[in-house]
């Protein structure tokens, strides 16, 4: 590693730690992620120091969190989640379709169809940028919209849940630490992530470890958890990585575009809350878990929020994963159908 590379990121973990510590002192939800995220954004926006992302730091954080999420899955939990597959399918579909509001709002700003469409789809920044590149979108705007959406959800949702809805109902989850099992699961999670990455699949450093940990937990009925402090380290690494995507230039760029993106995100969150309330009334499932699972945030961030607030991590994860699958498999075909329909209408005229 060159000295130049080291100088660009050596302060990042320190700033993130300071932010996480201050957030934990004031009792902020997800303090080590939200605190580090805000601290790094403030440094990058208010000072001349453009500190950079820790090399592979976010991947490491996702690896830790992926293992932690996977360990929540047990045969009993899987049976419960499977029994509500229809609800999970329907809830994820509602969240995916609500993103069309964002497409409409951005089109009113004058954005082209590809940029408006892939900026609004809640499918992950990397994946949507790749799909946008294939369909002629303005990639800088797609990336900006995706980053801003995740930022808004991460900052607003955990705080709203913590201070308005309370801590939720404690789960029956032993969470015992077994170093023998963890010493097997952790390196296998790295191998699975590398394989997932080689296959060009989404979120490899989250899904690879999650898959390994969940298979081990379900197969062995383990009821294990991560050691104390591991989740906080994962939060800190993920928050520090997210924060490095923002600076003064980002927030000054196309304010109308960013404003409509925020408005669309708020409307999508409102629709998710109303839909979760309706589904909870029909099924008597926990309203908090349903609402969190339907929020248009990242899987790692929303699952971490569920864990922190003692909600059903598997249910939240299942809803988030189902939504991601909808977007990844349906977004491009729907967009091309939309373009073809408009071209056909134009030819008819």
Protein backbone atom coordinates (compact mmCIF):
# COMPACT_ATOMS: atom_id res chain seq x y z
CA UNK A 1 0.00 0.00 0.00
CA UNK A 2 1.41 3.42 -0.99
CA UNK A 3 1.89 6.24 1.50
CA UNK A 4 -0.56 8.34 -0.50
CA UNK A 5 -3.29 5.76 -0.15
CA UNK A 6 -2.64 5.41 3.58
CA UNK A 7 -2.75 9.18 4.13
CA UNK A 8 -6.16 9.43 2.45
CA UNK A 9 -7.94 7.06 4.82
CA UNK A 10 -5.97 6.73 8.08
CA UNK A 11 -8.19 9.31 9.84
CA UNK A 12 -11.44 7.70 8.66
CA UNK A 13 -11.66 4.99 11.36
CA UNK A 14 -10.76 7.53 14.07
CA UNK A 15 -13.45 9.97 12.97
CA UNK A 16 -15.93 7.10 12.72
CA UNK A 17 -15.06 5.88 16.21
CA UNK A 18 -15.47 9.36 17.65
CA UNK A 19 -18.87 9.76 16.00
CA UNK A 20 -20.02 6.33 17.11
CA UNK A 21 -18.92 6.94 20.68
CA UNK A 22 -20.74 10.29 20.88
CA UNK A 23 -23.90 8.78 19.40
CA UNK A 24 -23.79 5.93 21.92
CA UNK A 25 -23.42 8.44 24.77
CA UNK A 26 -26.67 10.19 23.80
CA UNK A 27 -28.52 6.90 23.30
CA UNK A 28 -28.98 7.18 19.52
CA UNK A 29 -30.23 3.98 17.83
CA UNK A 30 -27.59 2.14 15.79
CA UNK A 31 -25.04 4.56 17.28
CA UNK A 32 -21.89 3.06 15.78
CA UNK A 33 -23.30 3.15 12.26
CA UNK A 34 -25.28 6.40 12.38
CA UNK A 35 -22.66 8.20 14.50
CA UNK A 36 -19.72 7.23 12.29
CA UNK A 37 -21.76 8.03 9.17
CA UNK A 38 -22.67 11.54 10.35
CA UNK A 39 -19.19 12.30 11.73
CA UNK A 40 -17.51 11.46 8.41
CA UNK A 41 -20.09 13.42 6.39
CA UNK A 42 -19.52 16.47 8.61
CA UNK A 43 -15.74 16.25 8.23
CA UNK A 44 -15.98 15.88 4.46
CA UNK A 45 -18.53 18.71 4.12
CA UNK A 46 -17.27 21.24 6.68
CA UNK A 47 -13.50 20.84 6.40
CA UNK A 48 -11.02 20.60 3.51
CA UNK A 49 -10.13 17.03 4.54
CA UNK A 50 -11.67 14.58 2.07
CA UNK A 51 -10.96 11.45 4.08
CA UNK A 52 -11.41 8.29 2.05
CA UNK A 53 -13.06 4.93 2.63
CA UNK A 54 -11.08 2.29 4.52
CA UNK A 55 -9.88 -0.24 1.89
CA UNK A 56 -12.31 -3.20 2.03
CA UNK A 57 -13.70 -1.79 5.28
CA UNK A 58 -17.32 -1.89 4.24
CA UNK A 59 -16.91 -5.41 2.89
CA UNK A 60 -15.52 -6.50 6.26
CA UNK A 61 -18.44 -4.85 8.03
CA UNK A 62 -20.94 -6.59 5.77
CA UNK A 63 -19.16 -9.92 6.37
CA UNK A 64 -19.59 -9.51 10.15
CA UNK A 65 -23.21 -8.39 9.87
CA UNK A 66 -24.03 -11.12 7.33
CA UNK A 67 -22.86 -13.79 9.77
CA UNK A 68 -24.82 -12.15 12.58
CA UNK A 69 -28.02 -12.04 10.51
CA UNK A 70 -27.61 -15.66 9.38
CA UNK A 71 -27.25 -16.88 12.96
CA UNK A 72 -30.76 -15.61 13.72
CA UNK A 73 -32.19 -18.27 11.40
CA UNK A 74 -33.24 -21.50 13.10
CA UNK A 75 -35.60 -24.32 11.97
CA UNK A 76 -38.39 -22.84 14.10
CA UNK A 77 -37.91 -19.35 12.68
CA UNK A 78 -37.73 -20.62 9.09
CA UNK A 79 -40.97 -22.53 9.61
CA UNK A 80 -42.64 -19.37 10.87
CA UNK A 81 -41.30 -17.24 8.00
CA UNK A 82 -42.26 -19.88 5.40
CA UNK A 83 -45.81 -19.96 6.76
CA UNK A 84 -46.10 -16.26 5.88
CA UNK A 85 -44.53 -16.49 2.42
CA UNK A 86 -47.60 -14.97 0.75
CA UNK A 87 -47.46 -11.97 3.05
CA UNK A 88 -43.73 -11.52 2.44
CA UNK A 89 -44.28 -11.73 -1.31
CA UNK A 90 -47.12 -9.21 -1.24
CA UNK A 91 -45.33 -6.82 1.11
CA UNK A 92 -42.18 -6.79 -1.03
CA UNK A 93 -44.29 -6.25 -4.16
CA UNK A 94 -45.98 -3.20 -2.62
CA UNK A 95 -42.61 -1.69 -1.71
CA UNK A 96 -41.24 -2.30 -5.20
CA UNK A 97 -44.26 -0.80 -6.95
CA UNK A 98 -44.29 2.26 -4.69
CA UNK A 99 -40.93 3.26 -6.18
CA UNK A 100 -42.80 4.22 -9.37
CA UNK A 101 -43.74 7.42 -7.51
CA UNK A 102 -40.08 8.38 -7.67
CA UNK A 103 -40.00 7.75 -11.41
CA UNK A 104 -42.98 10.07 -11.89
CA UNK A 105 -41.48 12.82 -9.72
CA UNK A 106 -38.09 12.71 -11.44
CA UNK A 107 -39.68 12.72 -14.88
CA UNK A 108 -41.43 15.96 -13.90
CA UNK A 109 -37.99 17.44 -13.21
CA UNK A 110 -37.04 16.72 -16.81
CA UNK A 111 -34.91 13.61 -16.20
CA UNK A 112 -34.76 11.10 -19.02
CA UNK A 113 -36.64 7.84 -18.57
CA UNK A 114 -33.60 5.66 -17.83
CA UNK A 115 -32.17 8.01 -15.21
CA UNK A 116 -35.54 8.51 -13.49
CA UNK A 117 -36.32 4.80 -13.49
CA UNK A 118 -33.05 3.37 -12.19
CA UNK A 119 -32.58 6.22 -9.72
CA UNK A 120 -35.89 5.28 -8.09
CA UNK A 121 -35.61 1.51 -7.90
CA UNK A 122 -34.69 0.32 -4.34
CA UNK A 123 -32.28 -2.37 -5.48
CA UNK A 124 -28.86 -1.23 -4.32
CA UNK A 125 -26.52 1.41 -5.73
CA UNK A 126 -24.06 -0.90 -7.52
CA UNK A 127 -26.74 -3.03 -9.14
CA UNK A 128 -28.85 -0.06 -10.29
CA UNK A 129 -25.81 1.76 -11.70
CA UNK A 130 -24.94 -1.36 -13.71
CA UNK A 131 -28.48 -1.67 -15.06
CA UNK A 132 -28.59 2.06 -15.76
CA UNK A 133 -25.33 1.85 -17.71
CA UNK A 134 -26.85 -0.78 -20.00
CA UNK A 135 -29.89 1.39 -20.66
CA UNK A 136 -28.38 4.84 -21.15
CA UNK A 137 -28.98 6.44 -17.74
CA UNK A 138 -26.86 9.29 -16.32
CA UNK A 139 -24.81 7.19 -13.92
CA UNK A 140 -23.72 9.98 -11.59
CA UNK A 141 -27.36 10.82 -10.88
CA UNK A 142 -28.36 7.19 -10.41
CA UNK A 143 -25.55 6.72 -7.89
CA UNK A 144 -26.42 9.99 -6.13
CA UNK A 145 -30.11 9.09 -5.81
CA UNK A 146 -29.39 5.59 -4.52
CA UNK A 147 -26.88 6.90 -1.95
CA UNK A 148 -29.23 9.66 -0.79
CA UNK A 149 -32.13 7.21 -0.36
CA UNK A 150 -30.07 4.90 1.85
CA UNK A 151 -28.77 7.88 3.83
CA UNK A 152 -32.30 9.18 4.46
CA UNK A 153 -33.63 5.78 5.54
CA UNK A 154 -30.65 5.03 7.80
CA UNK A 155 -30.89 8.41 9.52
CA UNK A 156 -34.68 8.53 9.90
CA UNK A 157 -36.02 5.00 10.36
CA UNK A 158 -34.00 3.76 13.38
CA UNK A 159 -34.60 7.07 15.18
CA UNK A 160 -38.34 6.98 14.46
CA UNK A 161 -38.62 3.38 15.64
CA UNK A 162 -36.61 3.98 18.80
CA UNK A 163 -38.23 7.19 19.96
CA UNK A 164 -41.78 6.80 18.63
CA UNK A 165 -42.48 3.06 18.71
CA UNK A 166 -40.28 1.84 21.55
CA UNK A 167 -38.01 -1.18 21.74
CA UNK A 168 -40.29 -3.94 20.49
CA UNK A 169 -40.90 -7.37 22.00
CA UNK A 170 -37.76 -9.29 23.03
CA UNK A 171 -37.09 -12.35 20.90
CA UNK A 172 -36.43 -15.84 22.15
CA UNK A 173 -32.87 -16.13 20.88
CA UNK A 174 -30.15 -17.56 23.08
CA UNK A 175 -27.25 -15.92 21.31
CA UNK A 176 -24.62 -18.12 22.97
CA UNK A 177 -21.09 -17.68 21.60
CA UNK A 178 -19.45 -20.90 20.39
CA UNK A 179 -15.95 -20.17 19.11
CA UNK A 180 -15.61 -23.58 17.48
CA UNK A 181 -18.58 -23.02 15.21
CA UNK A 182 -17.63 -19.40 14.56
CA UNK A 183 -14.10 -20.40 13.55
CA UNK A 184 -15.66 -22.57 10.82
CA UNK A 185 -18.46 -20.23 9.74
CA UNK A 186 -16.31 -17.08 9.49
CA UNK A 187 -13.73 -18.31 6.92
CA UNK A 188 -16.42 -20.17 4.96
CA UNK A 189 -18.30 -16.88 4.82
CA UNK A 190 -15.26 -15.24 3.21
CA UNK A 191 -15.04 -18.02 0.61
CA UNK A 192 -18.76 -17.77 -0.12
CA UNK A 193 -18.44 -13.99 -0.53
CA UNK A 194 -15.54 -14.38 -2.96
CA UNK A 195 -17.50 -16.96 -4.96
CA UNK A 196 -20.63 -14.76 -4.95
CA UNK A 197 -18.49 -11.83 -6.09
CA UNK A 198 -16.89 -13.88 -8.87
CA UNK A 199 -20.36 -14.84 -10.09
CA UNK A 200 -21.22 -11.10 -10.17
CA UNK A 201 -24.13 -11.50 -7.78
CA UNK A 202 -25.50 -8.58 -5.69
CA UNK A 203 -24.16 -7.78 -2.20
CA UNK A 204 -21.65 -10.67 -2.15
CA UNK A 205 -20.07 -9.72 1.19
CA UNK A 206 -23.46 -9.71 2.88
CA UNK A 207 -25.21 -12.60 1.15
CA UNK A 208 -22.25 -15.00 1.10
CA UNK A 209 -21.66 -15.00 4.89
CA UNK A 210 -25.41 -14.80 5.54
CA UNK A 211 -26.02 -17.94 3.48
CA UNK A 212 -23.22 -19.89 5.19
CA UNK A 213 -24.29 -18.84 8.69
CA UNK A 214 -27.98 -19.53 8.09
CA UNK A 215 -27.31 -22.99 6.63
CA UNK A 216 -25.12 -23.87 9.61
CA UNK A 217 -27.61 -22.44 12.09
CA UNK A 218 -30.61 -24.18 10.54
CA UNK A 219 -28.82 -27.48 9.89
CA UNK A 220 -27.37 -27.69 13.40
CA UNK A 221 -30.21 -25.86 15.19
CA UNK A 222 -27.39 -23.86 16.80
CA UNK A 223 -29.02 -20.83 18.47
CA UNK A 224 -25.69 -18.99 18.36
CA UNK A 225 -24.76 -15.31 18.33
CA UNK A 226 -21.75 -13.13 17.70
CA UNK A 227 -19.44 -12.14 20.58
CA UNK A 228 -20.06 -8.83 22.35
CA UNK A 229 -18.86 -5.89 20.31
CA UNK A 230 -18.88 -7.66 16.92
CA UNK A 231 -22.11 -6.01 15.78
CA UNK A 232 -20.76 -2.60 16.81
CA UNK A 233 -17.59 -3.17 14.76
CA UNK A 234 -19.72 -4.09 11.74
CA UNK A 235 -21.86 -0.98 12.22
CA UNK A 236 -18.77 1.23 12.49
CA UNK A 237 -17.21 -0.16 9.30
CA UNK A 238 -20.44 0.10 7.29
CA UNK A 239 -21.21 3.61 8.57
CA UNK A 240 -17.66 4.79 7.85
CA UNK A 241 -17.90 3.43 4.31
CA UNK A 242 -21.28 5.02 3.60
CA UNK A 243 -20.16 8.41 4.87
CA UNK A 244 -17.34 8.62 2.33
CA UNK A 245 -19.87 8.85 -0.51
CA UNK A 246 -20.90 12.37 0.51
CA UNK A 247 -19.26 15.80 0.37
CA UNK A 248 -20.20 19.42 -0.37
CA UNK A 249 -20.22 18.80 -4.11
CA UNK A 250 -22.71 15.97 -3.70
CA UNK A 251 -25.26 18.13 -1.86
CA UNK A 252 -24.78 21.10 -4.24
CA UNK A 253 -25.33 18.97 -7.32
CA UNK A 254 -28.78 19.36 -8.93
CA UNK A 255 -30.73 20.41 -5.81
CA UNK A 256 -34.07 19.90 -7.54
CA UNK A 257 -33.11 16.32 -8.44
CA UNK A 258 -31.99 15.56 -4.88
CA UNK A 259 -35.06 17.24 -3.40
CA UNK A 260 -37.43 15.15 -5.49
CA UNK A 261 -35.45 12.04 -4.57
CA UNK A 262 -35.93 12.83 -0.88
CA UNK A 263 -39.64 13.50 -1.43
CA UNK A 264 -40.04 10.20 -3.29
CA UNK A 265 -38.21 8.37 -0.50
CA UNK A 266 -40.50 9.93 2.12
CA UNK A 267 -43.62 8.94 0.16
CA UNK A 268 -42.32 5.40 -0.31
CA UNK A 269 -41.68 5.12 3.42
CA UNK A 270 -45.21 6.40 4.13
CA UNK A 271 -46.74 3.83 1.76
CA UNK A 272 -44.67 1.08 3.41
CA UNK A 273 -45.91 2.13 6.86
CA UNK A 274 -49.57 2.16 5.77
CA UNK A 275 -49.22 -1.21 4.01
CA UNK A 276 -47.50 -2.71 7.06
CA UNK A 277 -50.31 -1.44 9.30
CA UNK A 278 -52.89 -3.08 7.04
CA UNK A 279 -51.01 -6.39 6.81
CA UNK A 280 -50.41 -6.42 10.57
CA UNK A 281 -54.13 -5.93 11.23
CA UNK A 282 -54.95 -8.82 8.87
CA UNK A 283 -52.30 -11.25 10.13
CA UNK A 284 -51.57 -10.09 13.72
CA UNK A 285 -47.84 -10.13 12.97
CA UNK A 286 -45.63 -7.57 14.70
CA UNK A 287 -46.24 -4.15 13.14
CA UNK A 288 -42.69 -2.94 13.81
CA UNK A 289 -41.07 -5.89 12.03
CA UNK A 290 -43.39 -5.60 9.04
CA UNK A 291 -42.82 -1.86 8.74
CA UNK A 292 -39.05 -2.19 8.97
CA UNK A 293 -39.00 -5.03 6.43
CA UNK A 294 -40.87 -2.91 3.91
CA UNK A 295 -38.70 0.20 4.26
CA UNK A 296 -36.66 1.05 1.11
CA UNK A 297 -33.28 0.79 2.86
CA UNK A 298 -30.36 -1.59 2.61
CA UNK A 299 -30.68 -5.15 3.87
CA UNK A 300 -27.75 -4.87 6.26
CA UNK A 301 -28.94 -1.56 7.70
CA UNK A 302 -32.57 -2.63 8.20
CA UNK A 303 -31.62 -6.03 9.63
CA UNK A 304 -29.23 -4.31 12.04
CA UNK A 305 -32.04 -2.01 13.12
CA UNK A 306 -34.28 -5.03 13.71
CA UNK A 307 -31.58 -6.69 15.82
CA UNK A 308 -30.94 -3.55 17.86
CA UNK A 309 -34.65 -2.99 18.55
CA UNK A 310 -35.23 -6.69 19.31
CA UNK A 311 -37.53 -7.30 16.35
CA UNK A 312 -37.84 -10.32 14.06
CA UNK A 313 -34.58 -10.22 12.11
CA UNK A 314 -35.50 -13.17 9.82
CA UNK A 315 -38.86 -11.61 8.88
CA UNK A 316 -37.26 -8.23 8.16
CA UNK A 317 -34.47 -9.88 6.16
CA UNK A 318 -36.93 -12.01 4.18
CA UNK A 319 -38.98 -8.96 3.20
CA UNK A 320 -35.86 -7.02 2.20
CA UNK A 321 -34.41 -9.91 0.19
CA UNK A 322 -37.72 -10.53 -1.59
CA UNK A 323 -37.90 -6.85 -2.58
CA UNK A 324 -34.33 -6.97 -3.86
CA UNK A 325 -35.16 -10.02 -5.99
CA UNK A 326 -38.21 -8.26 -7.43
CA UNK A 327 -36.16 -5.22 -8.41
CA UNK A 328 -33.15 -7.12 -9.77
CA UNK A 329 -35.18 -9.50 -11.93
CA UNK A 330 -38.05 -7.23 -13.00
CA UNK A 331 -36.59 -3.71 -13.23
CA UNK A 332 -34.83 -4.03 -16.57
CA UNK A 333 -37.60 -5.99 -18.37
CA UNK A 334 -40.22 -3.51 -17.10
CA UNK A 335 -38.11 -0.55 -18.21
CA UNK A 336 -37.58 -1.98 -21.69
CA UNK A 337 -41.30 -2.75 -21.97
CA UNK A 338 -42.03 0.85 -20.97
CA UNK A 339 -39.64 2.19 -23.62
CA UNK A 340 -41.08 -0.12 -26.27
CA UNK A 341 -44.63 0.94 -25.43
CA UNK A 342 -43.72 4.63 -25.70
CA UNK A 343 -41.93 4.08 -29.01
CA UNK A 344 -44.94 2.14 -30.33
CA UNK A 345 -47.27 4.96 -29.26
CA UNK A 346 -45.03 7.52 -30.96
CA UNK A 347 -45.00 5.52 -34.18
CA UNK A 348 -48.78 5.21 -34.13
CA UNK A 349 -49.08 8.98 -33.80
